[in-house]
Amino acid sequence: MINFPNAKINIGLNITERRPDGYHNLETVFYPIGIKDALEIVEAGELTFEASGIGIPGNVEDNLCVKGYHLIKKDYDLPPVSIHLHKNIPIGAGLGGGSADAAFFIKLLDLQFGLNLTIEQMEGYARQLGADCAFFIQNKPVYAHGKGDVFQPVQLDLSAYKIVLVMPPAHVSTGEAYRGVRPKPSIHSLQDLVQQPVALWRQYIKNDFEESIFKNHPVIRGVKAALYEAGALYASMSGSGASVFGIFEQTPDLTMLEESNKVYYL
């Protein structure tokens, strides 16, 4: 059985406070986009994991799909499976690719073995694997707060626009991203701001990670500037980077960016 985990972008990202448990409270809007991995599971004699496409760093046991298998096996009599992941979503891009893989893996297990999990149960397992994993269970635009794992539906449809995502040759670690921000309460409600015309977002909707990351990684700052120069109504880094997306009325000519960056037209 196979499915196709997709990426997400963050529209706005405000770090509002540091939590006693060491995490941060934040608010953002998650919006699914069409860059996809391919994930397959087949019942097998033993649990195995193999990957193709973009190289995945780390040990197999640290992969979120493998962790998800062990998590659900504690509650259900799962047979061993062979997992194959073809990685296409850029890694270290702020697109939630690993989280998407984990969430779609949970959905695959549910369908393959007739677990009859509810949405709430699947989201509960996903939350144990990562802060934004649960978003990909329903995979619809949401306003996210808390650690990024508490959701409220948001009416947002960007299908009339052209979204372009650019992955520059840069890497931003989560630790670096959070070291550079100073949490502060939001002045305006992000839920209200995303209901404004997209052309107005540039004035009000920000990503708190950008200020410090742009100082340390000017190539990322340059990508955002280039998207605005190409006519983007709104452009922003997604999550903690390094990818940057632009929302356009029409498909732009980004030939210059394609020379040294990976560009996705969505």
C-alpha atoms as a PDB file:
ATOM      1  CA  MET A   1       0.000   0.000   0.000  1.00  0.00           C
ATOM      2  CA  ILE A   2       1.329   3.397  -0.962  1.00  0.00           C
ATOM      3  CA  ASN A   3       0.541   7.046  -0.306  1.00  0.00           C
ATOM      4  CA  PHE A   4       2.166  10.379  -0.978  1.00  0.00           C
ATOM      5  CA  PRO A   5       3.053  12.584   2.024  1.00  0.00           C
ATOM      6  CA  ASN A   6       3.012  16.262   1.119  1.00  0.00           C
ATOM      7  CA  ALA A   7       4.833  19.275   2.494  1.00  0.00           C
ATOM      8  CA  LYS A   8       3.442  22.374   4.222  1.00  0.00           C
ATOM      9  CA  ILE A   9       4.365  26.019   4.417  1.00  0.00           C
ATOM     10  CA  ASN A  10       4.020  28.399   7.350  1.00  0.00           C
ATOM     11  CA  ILE A  11       2.096  31.583   6.699  1.00  0.00           C
ATOM     12  CA  GLY A  12       3.252  33.755   9.563  1.00  0.00           C
ATOM     13  CA  LEU A  13       5.207  32.396  12.505  1.00  0.00           C
ATOM     14  CA  ASN A  14       5.219  34.207  15.836  1.00  0.00           C
ATOM     15  CA  ILE A  15       7.226  32.885  18.781  1.00  0.00           C
ATOM     16  CA  THR A  16       5.129  34.107  21.694  1.00  0.00           C
ATOM     17  CA  GLU A  17       6.818  32.720  24.829  1.00  0.00           C
ATOM     18  CA  ARG A  18       9.266  30.195  26.221  1.00  0.00           C
ATOM     19  CA  ARG A  19       7.615  27.332  28.064  1.00  0.00           C
ATOM     20  CA  PRO A  20       8.754  25.837  31.390  1.00  0.00           C
ATOM     21  CA  ASP A  21       9.400  22.521  29.595  1.00  0.00           C
ATOM     22  CA  GLY A  22      11.986  24.158  27.324  1.00  0.00           C
ATOM     23  CA  TYR A  23       9.775  24.343  24.264  1.00  0.00           C
ATOM     24  CA  HIS A  24       8.299  27.555  22.888  1.00  0.00           C
ATOM     25  CA  ASN A  25       4.718  28.578  22.372  1.00  0.00           C
ATOM     26  CA  LEU A  26       4.057  29.873  18.900  1.00  0.00           C
ATOM     27  CA  GLU A  27       1.328  30.702  16.457  1.00  0.00           C
ATOM     28  CA  THR A  28       1.304  30.043  12.759  1.00  0.00           C
ATOM     29  CA  VAL A  29      -0.899  28.963   9.883  1.00  0.00           C
ATOM     30  CA  PHE A  30      -0.036  25.630   8.297  1.00  0.00           C
ATOM     31  CA  TYR A  31      -0.961  25.337   4.629  1.00  0.00           C
ATOM     32  CA  PRO A  32      -0.426  22.098   2.647  1.00  0.00           C
ATOM     33  CA  ILE A  33       1.454  22.266  -0.655  1.00  0.00           C
ATOM     34  CA  GLY A  34       2.039  19.798  -3.464  1.00  0.00           C
ATOM     35  CA  ILE A  35       5.683  18.764  -3.020  1.00  0.00           C
ATOM     36  CA  LYS A  36       5.399  15.067  -2.159  1.00  0.00           C
ATOM     37  CA  ASP A  37       7.328  12.024  -0.990  1.00  0.00           C
ATOM     38  CA  ALA A  38       6.214   8.470  -1.786  1.00  0.00           C
ATOM     39  CA  LEU A  39       5.719   6.028   1.080  1.00  0.00           C
ATOM     40  CA  GLU A  40       5.034   2.306   0.743  1.00  0.00           C
ATOM     41  CA  ILE A  41       4.499  -0.455   3.313  1.00  0.00           C
ATOM     42  CA  VAL A  42       4.317  -4.185   2.615  1.00  0.00           C
ATOM     43  CA  GLU A  43       3.763  -6.925   5.182  1.00  0.00           C
ATOM     44  CA  ALA A  44       7.068  -8.728   5.649  1.00  0.00           C
ATOM     45  CA  GLY A  45       8.966 -11.216   7.764  1.00  0.00           C
ATOM     46  CA  GLU A  46      10.749  -8.490   9.693  1.00  0.00           C
ATOM     47  CA  LEU A  47      10.602  -4.726  10.125  1.00  0.00           C
ATOM     48  CA  THR A  48      12.831  -3.016   7.569  1.00  0.00           C
ATOM     49  CA  PHE A  49      13.249   0.534   6.327  1.00  0.00           C
ATOM     50  CA  GLU A  50      14.894   1.664   3.122  1.00  0.00           C
ATOM     51  CA  ALA A  51      14.970   5.035   1.414  1.00  0.00           C
ATOM     52  CA  SER A  52      15.682   6.462  -2.003  1.00  0.00           C
ATOM     53  CA  GLY A  53      15.770   9.939  -3.479  1.00  0.00           C
ATOM     54  CA  ILE A  54      17.196  12.672  -1.274  1.00  0.00           C
ATOM     55  CA  GLY A  55      19.560  11.214   1.328  1.00  0.00           C
ATOM     56  CA  ILE A  56      18.113  10.982   4.845  1.00  0.00           C
ATOM     57  CA  PRO A  57      20.631  11.597   7.653  1.00  0.00           C
ATOM     58  CA  GLY A  58      20.637   9.664  10.926  1.00  0.00           C
ATOM     59  CA  ASN A  59      20.073   6.078  11.993  1.00  0.00           C
ATOM     60  CA  VAL A  60      17.143   3.984  10.802  1.00  0.00           C
ATOM     61  CA  GLU A  61      15.782   3.640  14.346  1.00  0.00           C
ATOM     62  CA  ASP A  62      15.574   7.433  14.580  1.00  0.00           C
ATOM     63  CA  ASN A  63      13.340   7.686  11.517  1.00  0.00           C
ATOM     64  CA  LEU A  64       9.875   8.891  12.496  1.00  0.00           C
ATOM     65  CA  CYS A  65       8.154   6.170  10.474  1.00  0.00           C
ATOM     66  CA  VAL A  66      10.039   3.479  12.370  1.00  0.00           C
ATOM     67  CA  LYS A  67       9.272   5.222  15.660  1.00  0.00           C
ATOM     68  CA  GLY A  68       5.630   5.421  14.622  1.00  0.00           C
ATOM     69  CA  TYR A  69       5.542   1.688  13.977  1.00  0.00           C
ATOM     70  CA  HIS A  70       6.906   0.895  17.455  1.00  0.00           C
ATOM     71  CA  LEU A  71       4.527   3.405  19.033  1.00  0.00           C
ATOM     72  CA  ILE A  72       1.401   1.863  17.518  1.00  0.00           C
ATOM     73  CA  LYS A  73       2.629  -1.712  17.996  1.00  0.00           C
ATOM     74  CA  LYS A  74       2.462  -1.108  21.755  1.00  0.00           C
ATOM     75  CA  ASP A  75      -1.337  -0.940  21.402  1.00  0.00           C
ATOM     76  CA  TYR A  76      -2.035  -3.156  18.371  1.00  0.00           C
ATOM     77  CA  ASP A  77      -0.774  -6.540  17.191  1.00  0.00           C
ATOM     78  CA  LEU A  78       0.973  -5.315  14.072  1.00  0.00           C
ATOM     79  CA  PRO A  79       2.898  -7.722  11.848  1.00  0.00           C
ATOM     80  CA  PRO A  80       6.357  -6.652  10.670  1.00  0.00           C
ATOM     81  CA  VAL A  81       6.396  -4.437   7.590  1.00  0.00           C
ATOM     82  CA  SER A  82       8.854  -3.422   4.950  1.00  0.00           C
ATOM     83  CA  ILE A  83       8.892   0.385   4.639  1.00  0.00           C
ATOM     84  CA  HIS A  84      10.152   2.171   1.546  1.00  0.00           C
ATOM     85  CA  LEU A  85      10.333   5.971   1.493  1.00  0.00           C
ATOM     86  CA  HIS A  86      11.219   7.871  -1.655  1.00  0.00           C
ATOM     87  CA  LYS A  87      12.317  11.282  -0.418  1.00  0.00           C
ATOM     88  CA  ASN A  88      11.543  14.290  -2.582  1.00  0.00           C
ATOM     89  CA  ILE A  89      10.588  16.963  -0.016  1.00  0.00           C
ATOM     90  CA  PRO A  90      13.771  18.924   0.801  1.00  0.00           C
ATOM     91  CA  ILE A  91      15.248  18.182   4.225  1.00  0.00           C
ATOM     92  CA  GLY A  92      16.027  21.022   6.636  1.00  0.00           C
ATOM     93  CA  ALA A  93      13.709  23.284   4.698  1.00  0.00           C
ATOM     94  CA  GLY A  94      10.961  24.138   7.194  1.00  0.00           C
ATOM     95  CA  LEU A  95       8.462  22.118   5.143  1.00  0.00           C
ATOM     96  CA  GLY A  96       7.611  19.414   7.672  1.00  0.00           C
ATOM     97  CA  GLY A  97       8.624  16.564   5.387  1.00  0.00           C
ATOM     98  CA  GLY A  98       9.639  14.148   8.140  1.00  0.00           C
ATOM     99  CA  SER A  99       6.486  14.947  10.086  1.00  0.00           C
ATOM    100  CA  ALA A 100       4.363  14.368   6.985  1.00  0.00           C
ATOM    101  CA  ASP A 101       6.005  10.989   6.423  1.00  0.00           C
ATOM    102  CA  ALA A 102       5.240   9.961  10.006  1.00  0.00           C
ATOM    103  CA  ALA A 103       1.600  11.066   9.838  1.00  0.00           C
ATOM    104  CA  PHE A 104       0.982   9.409   6.473  1.00  0.00           C
ATOM    105  CA  PHE A 105       2.656   6.254   7.791  1.00  0.00           C
ATOM    106  CA  ILE A 106       0.132   6.162  10.646  1.00  0.00           C
ATOM    107  CA  LYS A 107      -2.672   6.500   8.105  1.00  0.00           C
ATOM    108  CA  LEU A 108      -1.152   3.720   6.005  1.00  0.00           C
ATOM    109  CA  LEU A 109      -0.984   1.349   8.979  1.00  0.00           C
ATOM    110  CA  ASP A 110      -4.599   2.143   9.823  1.00  0.00           C
ATOM    111  CA  LEU A 111      -5.782   1.305   6.306  1.00  0.00           C
ATOM    112  CA  GLN A 112      -3.495  -1.667   5.706  1.00  0.00           C
ATOM    113  CA  PHE A 113      -4.380  -3.495   8.906  1.00  0.00           C
ATOM    114  CA  GLY A 114      -7.914  -2.262   9.556  1.00  0.00           C
ATOM    115  CA  LEU A 115      -7.102  -0.619  12.872  1.00  0.00           C
ATOM    116  CA  ASN A 116     -10.153   1.660  12.574  1.00  0.00           C
ATOM    117  CA  LEU A 117      -8.353   4.509  14.310  1.00  0.00           C
ATOM    118  CA  THR A 118     -10.285   7.727  14.789  1.00  0.00           C
ATOM    119  CA  ILE A 119      -8.875  11.068  13.669  1.00  0.00           C
ATOM    120  CA  GLU A 120      -8.286  11.902  17.340  1.00  0.00           C
ATOM    121  CA  GLN A 121      -6.370   8.659  17.918  1.00  0.00           C
ATOM    122  CA  MET A 122      -4.183   9.177  14.863  1.00  0.00           C
ATOM    123  CA  GLU A 123      -3.469  12.764  15.878  1.00  0.00           C
ATOM    124  CA  GLY A 124      -2.644  11.551  19.384  1.00  0.00           C
ATOM    125  CA  TYR A 125      -0.017   9.154  18.069  1.00  0.00           C
ATOM    126  CA  ALA A 126       1.324  11.795  15.699  1.00  0.00           C
ATOM    127  CA  ARG A 127       1.734  14.369  18.485  1.00  0.00           C
ATOM    128  CA  GLN A 128       4.071  11.974  20.259  1.00  0.00           C
ATOM    129  CA  LEU A 129       6.365  11.956  17.236  1.00  0.00           C
ATOM    130  CA  GLY A 130       6.672  15.699  16.573  1.00  0.00           C
ATOM    131  CA  ALA A 131       5.033  19.041  17.183  1.00  0.00           C
ATOM    132  CA  ASP A 132       3.627  19.464  13.667  1.00  0.00           C
ATOM    133  CA  CYS A 133       3.035  15.770  12.836  1.00  0.00           C
ATOM    134  CA  ALA A 134      -0.627  15.861  13.812  1.00  0.00           C
ATOM    135  CA  PHE A 135      -1.360  18.553  11.228  1.00  0.00           C
ATOM    136  CA  PHE A 136      -0.808  16.069   8.406  1.00  0.00           C
ATOM    137  CA  ILE A 137      -3.483  13.658   9.626  1.00  0.00           C
ATOM    138  CA  GLN A 138      -6.290  15.883   8.338  1.00  0.00           C
ATOM    139  CA  ASN A 139      -3.943  17.867   6.089  1.00  0.00           C
ATOM    140  CA  LYS A 140      -6.111  20.976   5.861  1.00  0.00           C
ATOM    141  CA  PRO A 141      -5.209  24.638   6.522  1.00  0.00           C
ATOM    142  CA  VAL A 142      -5.173  25.355  10.249  1.00  0.00           C
ATOM    143  CA  TYR A 143      -4.237  28.017  12.738  1.00  0.00           C
ATOM    144  CA  ALA A 144      -1.718  26.283  15.008  1.00  0.00           C
ATOM    145  CA  HIS A 145      -0.706  27.395  18.483  1.00  0.00           C
ATOM    146  CA  GLY A 146       0.762  25.968  21.679  1.00  0.00           C
ATOM    147  CA  LYS A 147       3.864  24.060  20.588  1.00  0.00           C
ATOM    148  CA  GLY A 148       2.369  24.085  17.121  1.00  0.00           C
ATOM    149  CA  ASP A 149       0.219  21.047  17.833  1.00  0.00           C
ATOM    150  CA  VAL A 150      -3.098  22.668  18.841  1.00  0.00           C
ATOM    151  CA  PHE A 151      -5.239  23.413  15.808  1.00  0.00           C
ATOM    152  CA  GLN A 152      -8.215  25.469  14.801  1.00  0.00           C
ATOM    153  CA  PRO A 153      -9.624  25.342  11.247  1.00  0.00           C
ATOM    154  CA  VAL A 154      -8.952  28.381   9.115  1.00  0.00           C
ATOM    155  CA  GLN A 155     -10.710  29.295   5.885  1.00  0.00           C
ATOM    156  CA  LEU A 156      -7.854  29.777   3.452  1.00  0.00           C
ATOM    157  CA  ASP A 157      -7.750  28.796  -0.205  1.00  0.00           C
ATOM    158  CA  LEU A 158      -4.769  29.846  -2.314  1.00  0.00           C
ATOM    159  CA  SER A 159      -5.683  27.750  -5.356  1.00  0.00           C
ATOM    160  CA  ALA A 160      -6.275  30.869  -7.448  1.00  0.00           C
ATOM    161  CA  TYR A 161      -2.613  31.870  -6.980  1.00  0.00           C
ATOM    162  CA  LYS A 162       0.716  30.447  -8.111  1.00  0.00           C
ATOM    163  CA  ILE A 163       2.941  29.356  -5.239  1.00  0.00           C
ATOM    164  CA  VAL A 164       6.661  29.005  -5.907  1.00  0.00           C
ATOM    165  CA  LEU A 165       9.017  27.492  -3.359  1.00  0.00           C
ATOM    166  CA  VAL A 166      12.772  28.016  -3.490  1.00  0.00           C
ATOM    167  CA  MET A 167      15.295  25.887  -1.618  1.00  0.00           C
ATOM    168  CA  PRO A 168      18.662  27.664  -1.504  1.00  0.00           C
ATOM    169  CA  PRO A 169      21.993  25.927  -0.816  1.00  0.00           C
ATOM    170  CA  ALA A 170      21.800  26.609   2.927  1.00  0.00           C
ATOM    171  CA  HIS A 171      21.037  24.686   6.098  1.00  0.00           C
ATOM    172  CA  VAL A 172      19.475  26.113   9.250  1.00  0.00           C
ATOM    173  CA  SER A 173      19.323  23.935  12.362  1.00  0.00           C
ATOM    174  CA  THR A 174      16.314  24.233  14.651  1.00  0.00           C
ATOM    175  CA  GLY A 175      18.639  25.111  17.515  1.00  0.00           C
ATOM    176  CA  GLU A 176      20.187  27.975  15.577  1.00  0.00           C
ATOM    177  CA  ALA A 177      16.750  29.269  14.639  1.00  0.00           C
ATOM    178  CA  TYR A 178      15.423  29.368  18.193  1.00  0.00           C
ATOM    179  CA  ARG A 179      18.605  30.869  19.639  1.00  0.00           C
ATOM    180  CA  GLY A 180      18.071  33.898  17.453  1.00  0.00           C
ATOM    181  CA  VAL A 181      14.522  34.791  18.514  1.00  0.00           C
ATOM    182  CA  ARG A 182      13.163  36.735  21.467  1.00  0.00           C
ATOM    183  CA  PRO A 183       9.646  35.536  22.302  1.00  0.00           C
ATOM    184  CA  LYS A 184       7.002  38.232  22.516  1.00  0.00           C
ATOM    185  CA  PRO A 185       3.194  38.277  22.476  1.00  0.00           C
ATOM    186  CA  SER A 186       1.535  38.907  19.138  1.00  0.00           C
ATOM    187  CA  ILE A 187       0.025  42.337  18.529  1.00  0.00           C
ATOM    188  CA  HIS A 188      -2.492  41.220  15.894  1.00  0.00           C
ATOM    189  CA  SER A 189      -4.412  37.981  15.552  1.00  0.00           C
ATOM    190  CA  LEU A 190      -2.864  35.844  12.834  1.00  0.00           C
ATOM    191  CA  GLN A 191      -6.263  34.195  12.370  1.00  0.00           C
ATOM    192  CA  ASP A 192      -7.656  37.574  11.347  1.00  0.00           C
ATOM    193  CA  LEU A 193      -4.663  38.650   9.296  1.00  0.00           C
ATOM    194  CA  VAL A 194      -4.799  35.679   6.904  1.00  0.00           C
ATOM    195  CA  GLN A 195      -8.368  36.638   6.040  1.00  0.00           C
ATOM    196  CA  GLN A 196      -7.059  39.891   4.590  1.00  0.00           C
ATOM    197  CA  PRO A 197      -6.208  40.094   0.853  1.00  0.00           C
ATOM    198  CA  VAL A 198      -2.891  38.373   0.113  1.00  0.00           C
ATOM    199  CA  ALA A 199      -1.492  41.646  -1.226  1.00  0.00           C
ATOM    200  CA  LEU A 200      -1.759  43.090   2.292  1.00  0.00           C
ATOM    201  CA  TRP A 201       0.027  40.227   4.062  1.00  0.00           C
ATOM    202  CA  ARG A 202       3.450  41.741   3.396  1.00  0.00           C
ATOM    203  CA  GLN A 203       2.666  44.611   5.755  1.00  0.00           C
ATOM    204  CA  TYR A 204       1.478  42.543   8.689  1.00  0.00           C
ATOM    205  CA  ILE A 205       2.383  38.850   8.535  1.00  0.00           C
ATOM    206  CA  LYS A 206       5.935  38.046   9.627  1.00  0.00           C
ATOM    207  CA  ASN A 207       8.132  35.056  10.417  1.00  0.00           C
ATOM    208  CA  ASP A 208      10.015  35.735  13.651  1.00  0.00           C
ATOM    209  CA  PHE A 209      12.896  33.488  12.609  1.00  0.00           C
ATOM    210  CA  GLU A 210      13.802  35.615   9.618  1.00  0.00           C
ATOM    211  CA  GLU A 211      15.570  38.493  11.385  1.00  0.00           C
ATOM    212  CA  SER A 212      18.438  36.450  12.813  1.00  0.00           C
ATOM    213  CA  ILE A 213      18.561  33.796  10.106  1.00  0.00           C
ATOM    214  CA  PHE A 214      18.815  36.408   7.358  1.00  0.00           C
ATOM    215  CA  LYS A 215      21.814  37.914   9.158  1.00  0.00           C
ATOM    216  CA  ASN A 216      23.571  34.546   9.326  1.00  0.00           C
ATOM    217  CA  HIS A 217      22.458  33.294   5.909  1.00  0.00           C
ATOM    218  CA  PRO A 218      22.319  36.162   3.410  1.00  0.00           C
ATOM    219  CA  VAL A 219      21.584  33.728   0.580  1.00  0.00           C
ATOM    220  CA  ILE A 220      18.162  33.070   2.146  1.00  0.00           C
ATOM    221  CA  ARG A 221      17.506  36.803   2.508  1.00  0.00           C
ATOM    222  CA  GLY A 222      18.474  37.203  -1.138  1.00  0.00           C
ATOM    223  CA  VAL A 223      15.945  34.593  -2.264  1.00  0.00           C
ATOM    224  CA  LYS A 224      13.109  36.412  -0.505  1.00  0.00           C
ATOM    225  CA  ALA A 225      14.173  39.715  -2.064  1.00  0.00           C
ATOM    226  CA  ALA A 226      14.332  38.085  -5.502  1.00  0.00           C
ATOM    227  CA  LEU A 227      10.800  36.733  -5.147  1.00  0.00           C
ATOM    228  CA  TYR A 228       9.483  40.203  -4.384  1.00  0.00           C
ATOM    229  CA  GLU A 229      11.452  41.616  -7.303  1.00  0.00           C
ATOM    230  CA  ALA A 230       9.786  38.987  -9.506  1.00  0.00           C
ATOM    231  CA  GLY A 231       6.361  40.270  -8.469  1.00  0.00           C
ATOM    232  CA  ALA A 232       5.366  38.166  -5.469  1.00  0.00           C
ATOM    233  CA  LEU A 233       2.345  39.457  -3.584  1.00  0.00           C
ATOM    234  CA  TYR A 234       3.777  37.844  -0.468  1.00  0.00           C
ATOM    235  CA  ALA A 235       7.023  36.031   0.272  1.00  0.00           C
ATOM    236  CA  SER A 236       8.307  34.418   3.441  1.00  0.00           C
ATOM    237  CA  MET A 237      10.666  31.839   4.812  1.00  0.00           C
ATOM    238  CA  SER A 238       8.763  28.687   5.777  1.00  0.00           C
ATOM    239  CA  GLY A 239       9.171  27.526   9.367  1.00  0.00           C
ATOM    240  CA  SER A 240      12.758  27.833  10.523  1.00  0.00           C
ATOM    241  CA  GLY A 241      14.028  27.706   6.939  1.00  0.00           C
ATOM    242  CA  ALA A 242      15.864  27.371   4.760  1.00  0.00           C
ATOM    243  CA  SER A 243      13.140  27.329   2.091  1.00  0.00           C
ATOM    244  CA  VAL A 244      11.357  30.500   0.994  1.00  0.00           C
ATOM    245  CA  PHE A 245       8.028  30.662  -0.813  1.00  0.00           C
ATOM    246  CA  GLY A 246       6.344  33.326  -2.883  1.00  0.00           C
ATOM    247  CA  ILE A 247       2.676  33.761  -3.763  1.00  0.00           C
ATOM    248  CA  PHE A 248       2.085  35.188  -7.236  1.00  0.00           C
ATOM    249  CA  GLU A 249      -0.898  36.084  -9.368  1.00  0.00           C
ATOM    250  CA  GLN A 250       0.784  34.469 -12.375  1.00  0.00           C
ATOM    251  CA  THR A 251       3.689  32.042 -12.795  1.00  0.00           C
ATOM    252  CA  PRO A 252       6.868  34.158 -12.618  1.00  0.00           C
ATOM    253  CA  ASP A 253      10.086  33.864 -14.573  1.00  0.00           C
ATOM    254  CA  LEU A 254      12.651  32.752 -11.997  1.00  0.00           C
ATOM    255  CA  THR A 255      15.331  31.575 -14.389  1.00  0.00           C
ATOM    256  CA  MET A 256      18.047  33.383 -12.428  1.00  0.00           C
ATOM    257  CA  LEU A 257      17.062  31.653  -9.189  1.00  0.00           C
ATOM    258  CA  GLU A 258      17.048  28.256 -10.873  1.00  0.00           C
ATOM    259  CA  GLU A 259      20.778  28.541 -11.564  1.00  0.00           C
ATOM    260  CA  SER A 260      21.819  28.038  -7.939  1.00  0.00           C
ATOM    261  CA  ASN A 261      18.646  26.993  -6.115  1.00  0.00           C
ATOM    262  CA  LYS A 262      16.044  24.247  -6.321  1.00  0.00           C
ATOM    263  CA  VAL A 263      12.802  25.875  -7.512  1.00  0.00           C
ATOM    264  CA  TYR A 264       9.369  24.250  -7.249  1.00  0.00           C
ATOM    265  CA  TYR A 265       6.398  25.662  -9.171  1.00  0.00           C
ATOM    266  CA  LEU A 266       3.193  24.623  -7.411  1.00  0.00           C
END
